[in-house]
PDB file of all heavy atoms in Angstrom:
ATOM      1  N   GLY A   1      57.903 -70.443 197.466  1.00  0.00           N
ATOM      2  CA  GLY A   1      57.669 -71.833 197.360  1.00  0.00           C
ATOM      3  C   GLY A   1      56.318 -72.215 197.947  1.00  0.00           C
ATOM      4  O   GLY A   1      56.066 -73.340 198.148  1.00  0.00           O
ATOM      5  N   ALA A   2      55.341 -71.191 198.144  1.00  0.00           N
ATOM      6  CA  ALA A   2      54.145 -71.479 198.684  1.00  0.00           C
ATOM      7  C   ALA A   2      53.146 -72.023 197.573  1.00  0.00           C
ATOM      8  O   ALA A   2      52.073 -72.481 197.801  1.00  0.00           O
ATOM      9  CB  ALA A   2      53.643 -70.271 199.379  1.00  0.00           C
ATOM     10  N   ALA A   3      53.563 -71.771 196.262  1.00  0.00           N
ATOM     11  CA  ALA A   3      52.809 -72.137 195.161  1.00  0.00           C
ATOM     12  C   ALA A   3      53.712 -72.554 194.092  1.00  0.00           C
ATOM     13  O   ALA A   3      54.719 -71.964 193.832  1.00  0.00           O
ATOM     14  CB  ALA A   3      51.804 -70.976 194.722  1.00  0.00           C
ATOM     15  N   ASP A   4      53.219 -73.508 193.174  1.00  0.00           N
ATOM     16  CA  ASP A   4      54.038 -73.904 191.963  1.00  0.00           C
ATOM     17  C   ASP A   4      53.710 -72.905 190.815  1.00  0.00           C
ATOM     18  O   ASP A   4      54.632 -72.612 190.068  1.00  0.00           O
ATOM     19  CB  ASP A   4      53.746 -75.249 191.532  1.00  0.00           C
ATOM     20  CG  ASP A   4      54.215 -76.363 192.626  1.00  0.00           C
ATOM     21  OD1 ASP A   4      55.212 -76.032 193.284  1.00  0.00           O
ATOM     22  OD2 ASP A   4      53.643 -77.340 192.716  1.00  0.00           O
ATOM     23  N   ASP A   5      52.555 -72.508 190.731  1.00  0.00           N
ATOM     24  CA  ASP A   5      52.040 -71.660 189.605  1.00  0.00           C
ATOM     25  C   ASP A   5      50.995 -70.637 190.269  1.00  0.00           C
ATOM     26  O   ASP A   5      50.373 -70.975 191.269  1.00  0.00           O
ATOM     27  CB  ASP A   5      51.508 -72.340 188.434  1.00  0.00           C
ATOM     28  CG  ASP A   5      52.487 -73.126 187.662  1.00  0.00           C
ATOM     29  OD1 ASP A   5      53.526 -72.527 187.331  1.00  0.00           O
ATOM     30  OD2 ASP A   5      52.194 -74.367 187.578  1.00  0.00           O
ATOM     31  N   GLY A   6      50.893 -69.572 189.523  1.00  0.00           N
ATOM     32  CA  GLY A   6      49.704 -68.681 189.972  1.00  0.00           C
ATOM     33  C   GLY A   6      48.916 -68.111 188.841  1.00  0.00           C
ATOM     34  O   GLY A   6      49.414 -68.011 187.765  1.00  0.00           O
ATOM     35  N   PHE A   7      47.661 -67.880 188.997  1.00  0.00           N
ATOM     36  CA  PHE A   7      46.830 -67.416 187.950  1.00  0.00           C
ATOM     37  C   PHE A   7      45.866 -66.276 188.512  1.00  0.00           C
ATOM     38  O   PHE A   7      45.405 -66.526 189.510  1.00  0.00           O
ATOM     39  CB  PHE A   7      45.927 -68.589 187.362  1.00  0.00           C
ATOM     40  CG  PHE A   7      46.712 -69.643 186.646  1.00  0.00           C
ATOM     41  CD1 PHE A   7      47.232 -70.772 187.509  1.00  0.00           C
ATOM     42  CD2 PHE A   7      47.214 -69.514 185.431  1.00  0.00           C
ATOM     43  CE1 PHE A   7      47.967 -71.790 186.853  1.00  0.00           C
ATOM     44  CE2 PHE A   7      47.981 -70.623 184.885  1.00  0.00           C
ATOM     45  CZ  PHE A   7      48.290 -71.756 185.572  1.00  0.00           C
ATOM     46  N   ALA A   8      45.832 -65.363 187.592  1.00  0.00           N
ATOM     47  CA  ALA A   8      44.853 -64.271 188.003  1.00  0.00           C
ATOM     48  C   ALA A   8      43.864 -63.988 186.837  1.00  0.00           C
ATOM     49  O   ALA A   8      44.350 -63.981 185.671  1.00  0.00           O
ATOM     50  CB  ALA A   8      45.488 -62.899 188.418  1.00  0.00           C
ATOM     51  N   ILE A   9      42.640 -63.992 187.161  1.00  0.00           N
ATOM     52  CA  ILE A   9      41.639 -63.728 185.995  1.00  0.00           C
ATOM     53  C   ILE A   9      40.906 -62.443 186.181  1.00  0.00           C
ATOM     54  O   ILE A   9      40.447 -62.277 187.316  1.00  0.00           O
ATOM     55  CB  ILE A   9      40.558 -64.976 185.998  1.00  0.00           C
ATOM     56  CG1 ILE A   9      41.259 -66.279 185.798  1.00  0.00           C
ATOM     57  CG2 ILE A   9      39.428 -64.551 184.979  1.00  0.00           C
ATOM     58  CD1 ILE A   9      40.258 -67.429 185.841  1.00  0.00           C
ATOM     59  N   VAL A  10      40.955 -61.560 185.249  1.00  0.00           N
ATOM     60  CA  VAL A  10      40.536 -60.188 185.328  1.00  0.00           C
ATOM     61  C   VAL A  10      39.239 -60.244 184.372  1.00  0.00           C
ATOM     62  O   VAL A  10      39.387 -60.555 183.138  1.00  0.00           O
ATOM     63  CB  VAL A  10      41.533 -59.222 185.018  1.00  0.00           C
ATOM     64  CG1 VAL A  10      40.882 -57.743 185.008  1.00  0.00           C
ATOM     65  CG2 VAL A  10      42.702 -59.286 185.847  1.00  0.00           C
ATOM     66  N   LEU A  11      38.096 -59.880 184.881  1.00  0.00           N
ATOM     67  CA  LEU A  11      36.909 -59.832 184.055  1.00  0.00           C
ATOM     68  C   LEU A  11      36.399 -58.512 183.943  1.00  0.00           C
ATOM     69  O   LEU A  11      36.214 -57.803 184.977  1.00  0.00           O
ATOM     70  CB  LEU A  11      35.876 -60.777 184.705  1.00  0.00           C
ATOM     71  CG  LEU A  11      34.559 -60.772 183.950  1.00  0.00           C
ATOM     72  CD1 LEU A  11      34.564 -61.413 182.619  1.00  0.00           C
ATOM     73  CD2 LEU A  11      33.530 -61.665 184.850  1.00  0.00           C
ATOM     74  N   THR A  12      36.190 -57.872 182.851  1.00  0.00           N
ATOM     75  CA  THR A  12      35.910 -56.544 182.630  1.00  0.00           C
ATOM     76  C   THR A  12      35.129 -56.266 181.306  1.00  0.00           C
ATOM     77  O   THR A  12      35.334 -56.983 180.333  1.00  0.00           O
ATOM     78  CB  THR A  12      36.960 -55.538 182.728  1.00  0.00           C
ATOM     79  OG1 THR A  12      36.431 -54.222 182.626  1.00  0.00           O
ATOM     80  CG2 THR A  12      38.037 -55.856 181.599  1.00  0.00           C
ATOM     81  N   ASN A  13      34.284 -55.342 181.297  1.00  0.00           N
ATOM     82  CA  ASN A  13      33.542 -54.897 180.087  1.00  0.00           C
ATOM     83  C   ASN A  13      33.937 -53.553 179.551  1.00  0.00           C
ATOM     84  O   ASN A  13      33.327 -52.966 178.845  1.00  0.00           O
ATOM     85  CB  ASN A  13      32.077 -54.970 180.338  1.00  0.00           C
ATOM     86  CG  ASN A  13      31.525 -54.087 181.343  1.00  0.00           C
ATOM     87  OD1 ASN A  13      32.314 -53.574 182.179  1.00  0.00           O
ATOM     88  ND2 ASN A  13      30.216 -53.887 181.497  1.00  0.00           N
ATOM     89  N   ASP A  14      35.043 -53.068 180.232  1.00  0.00           N
ATOM     90  CA  ASP A  14      35.557 -51.755 179.977  1.00  0.00           C
ATOM     91  C   ASP A  14      36.798 -51.824 178.975  1.00  0.00           C
ATOM     92  O   ASP A  14      37.797 -52.315 179.396  1.00  0.00           O
ATOM     93  CB  ASP A  14      35.949 -51.061 181.263  1.00  0.00           C
ATOM     94  CG  ASP A  14      36.504 -49.659 181.089  1.00  0.00           C
ATOM     95  OD1 ASP A  14      36.687 -49.303 179.976  1.00  0.00           O
ATOM     96  OD2 ASP A  14      36.497 -48.834 182.136  1.00  0.00           O
ATOM     97  N   PRO A  15      36.623 -51.394 177.833  1.00  0.00           N
ATOM     98  CA  PRO A  15      37.564 -51.559 176.878  1.00  0.00           C
ATOM     99  C   PRO A  15      38.947 -50.855 177.089  1.00  0.00           C
ATOM    100  O   PRO A  15      40.005 -51.201 176.520  1.00  0.00           O
ATOM    101  CB  PRO A  15      37.115 -51.040 175.406  1.00  0.00           C
ATOM    102  CG  PRO A  15      35.932 -50.183 175.925  1.00  0.00           C
ATOM    103  CD  PRO A  15      35.460 -50.793 177.195  1.00  0.00           C
ATOM    104  N   SER A  16      38.872 -49.871 178.048  1.00  0.00           N
ATOM    105  CA  SER A  16      40.161 -49.125 178.342  1.00  0.00           C
ATOM    106  C   SER A  16      41.208 -50.018 179.014  1.00  0.00           C
ATOM    107  O   SER A  16      42.421 -49.694 179.084  1.00  0.00           O
ATOM    108  CB  SER A  16      39.890 -47.931 179.235  1.00  0.00           C
ATOM    109  OG  SER A  16      39.360 -48.278 180.500  1.00  0.00           O
ATOM    110  N   TYR A  17      40.809 -51.128 179.570  1.00  0.00           N
ATOM    111  CA  TYR A  17      41.741 -52.045 180.224  1.00  0.00           C
ATOM    112  C   TYR A  17      42.684 -52.809 179.110  1.00  0.00           C
ATOM    113  O   TYR A  17      43.764 -53.035 179.275  1.00  0.00           O
ATOM    114  CB  TYR A  17      41.073 -53.052 181.046  1.00  0.00           C
ATOM    115  CG  TYR A  17      40.586 -52.441 182.426  1.00  0.00           C
ATOM    116  CD1 TYR A  17      39.293 -52.087 182.418  1.00  0.00           C
ATOM    117  CD2 TYR A  17      41.418 -52.138 183.430  1.00  0.00           C
ATOM    118  CE1 TYR A  17      38.770 -51.426 183.570  1.00  0.00           C
ATOM    119  CE2 TYR A  17      40.947 -51.607 184.560  1.00  0.00           C
ATOM    120  CZ  TYR A  17      39.631 -51.246 184.692  1.00  0.00           C
ATOM    121  OH  TYR A  17      39.108 -50.655 185.677  1.00  0.00           O
ATOM    122  N   TRP A  18      42.084 -53.257 178.036  1.00  0.00           N
ATOM    123  CA  TRP A  18      42.743 -53.927 177.075  1.00  0.00           C
ATOM    124  C   TRP A  18      43.271 -53.040 175.857  1.00  0.00           C
ATOM    125  O   TRP A  18      44.058 -53.607 175.109  1.00  0.00           O
ATOM    126  CB  TRP A  18      42.060 -55.194 176.567  1.00  0.00           C
ATOM    127  CG  TRP A  18      40.802 -54.946 175.771  1.00  0.00           C
ATOM    128  CD1 TRP A  18      40.703 -54.600 174.487  1.00  0.00           C
ATOM    129  CD2 TRP A  18      39.519 -55.003 176.377  1.00  0.00           C
ATOM    130  NE1 TRP A  18      39.326 -54.389 174.200  1.00  0.00           N
ATOM    131  CE2 TRP A  18      38.580 -54.651 175.251  1.00  0.00           C
ATOM    132  CE3 TRP A  18      38.904 -55.167 177.537  1.00  0.00           C
ATOM    133  CZ2 TRP A  18      37.201 -54.585 175.440  1.00  0.00           C
ATOM    134  CZ3 TRP A  18      37.565 -55.166 177.682  1.00  0.00           C
ATOM    135  CH2 TRP A  18      36.755 -54.896 176.659  1.00  0.00           C
ATOM    136  N   GLN A  19      42.729 -51.965 175.717  1.00  0.00           N
ATOM    137  CA  GLN A  19      43.131 -51.023 174.631  1.00  0.00           C
ATOM    138  C   GLN A  19      44.488 -50.340 174.972  1.00  0.00           C
ATOM    139  O   GLN A  19      44.947 -49.620 174.130  1.00  0.00           O
ATOM    140  CB  GLN A  19      42.022 -50.116 174.103  1.00  0.00           C
ATOM    141  CG  GLN A  19      40.993 -50.832 173.477  1.00  0.00           C
ATOM    142  CD  GLN A  19      39.755 -49.927 173.044  1.00  0.00           C
ATOM    143  OE1 GLN A  19      39.693 -48.851 173.617  1.00  0.00           O
ATOM    144  NE2 GLN A  19      38.876 -50.452 172.211  1.00  0.00           N
ATOM    145  N   GLY A  20      44.736 -50.208 176.306  1.00  0.00           N
ATOM    146  CA  GLY A  20      45.844 -49.291 176.641  1.00  0.00           C
ATOM    147  C   GLY A  20      45.471 -47.899 176.580  1.00  0.00           C
ATOM    148  O   GLY A  20      44.422 -47.490 176.490  1.00  0.00           O
ATOM    149  N   GLY A  21      46.641 -47.083 176.617  1.00  0.00           N
ATOM    150  CA  GLY A  21      46.466 -45.601 176.514  1.00  0.00           C
ATOM    151  C   GLY A  21      47.626 -44.971 175.702  1.00  0.00           C
ATOM    152  O   GLY A  21      48.654 -45.697 175.563  1.00  0.00           O
ATOM    153  N   GLU A  22      47.447 -43.898 175.392  1.00  0.00           N
ATOM    154  CA  GLU A  22      48.492 -43.242 174.489  1.00  0.00           C
ATOM    155  C   GLU A  22      49.094 -42.031 175.306  1.00  0.00           C
ATOM    156  O   GLU A  22      50.192 -41.708 174.907  1.00  0.00           O
ATOM    157  CB  GLU A  22      47.885 -42.753 173.277  1.00  0.00           C
ATOM    158  CG  GLU A  22      47.474 -43.789 172.345  1.00  0.00           C
ATOM    159  CD  GLU A  22      46.773 -43.346 171.023  1.00  0.00           C
ATOM    160  OE1 GLU A  22      46.984 -42.086 170.770  1.00  0.00           O
ATOM    161  OE2 GLU A  22      46.162 -44.104 170.353  1.00  0.00           O
ATOM    162  N   ARG A  23      48.603 -41.546 176.379  1.00  0.00           N
ATOM    163  CA  ARG A  23      49.114 -40.410 177.047  1.00  0.00           C
ATOM    164  C   ARG A  23      50.357 -41.010 177.873  1.00  0.00           C
ATOM    165  O   ARG A  23      50.362 -41.890 178.620  1.00  0.00           O
ATOM    166  CB  ARG A  23      48.168 -39.806 178.011  1.00  0.00           C
ATOM    167  CG  ARG A  23      47.032 -39.179 177.275  1.00  0.00           C
ATOM    168  CD  ARG A  23      45.974 -38.534 178.153  1.00  0.00           C
ATOM    169  NE  ARG A  23      46.548 -37.822 179.300  1.00  0.00           N
ATOM    170  CZ  ARG A  23      45.899 -37.737 180.507  1.00  0.00           C
ATOM    171  NH1 ARG A  23      44.701 -38.017 180.603  1.00  0.00           N
ATOM    172  NH2 ARG A  23      46.466 -36.939 181.353  1.00  0.00           N
ATOM    173  N   GLU A  24      51.481 -40.199 177.772  1.00  0.00           N
ATOM    174  CA  GLU A  24      52.634 -40.519 178.525  1.00  0.00           C
ATOM    175  C   GLU A  24      52.614 -39.553 179.764  1.00  0.00           C
ATOM    176  O   GLU A  24      52.054 -38.497 179.749  1.00  0.00           O
ATOM    177  CB  GLU A  24      53.897 -40.275 177.596  1.00  0.00           C
ATOM    178  CG  GLU A  24      53.842 -41.237 176.390  1.00  0.00           C
ATOM    179  CD  GLU A  24      53.982 -42.690 176.901  1.00  0.00           C
ATOM    180  OE1 GLU A  24      54.610 -42.949 177.902  1.00  0.00           O
ATOM    181  OE2 GLU A  24      53.414 -43.444 176.196  1.00  0.00           O
ATOM    182  N   GLY A  25      53.340 -40.022 180.832  1.00  0.00           N
ATOM    183  CA  GLY A  25      53.716 -39.107 181.892  1.00  0.00           C
ATOM    184  C   GLY A  25      52.413 -39.083 182.865  1.00  0.00           C
ATOM    185  O   GLY A  25      52.308 -38.344 183.806  1.00  0.00           O
TER     186      GLY A  25
END
């Protein structure tokens, strides 16, 4: 109850963050 909503903004120029990965484990 300390906040009604929460937002986090992530700024990056590294495509590995939004492309994900395929390696499991």
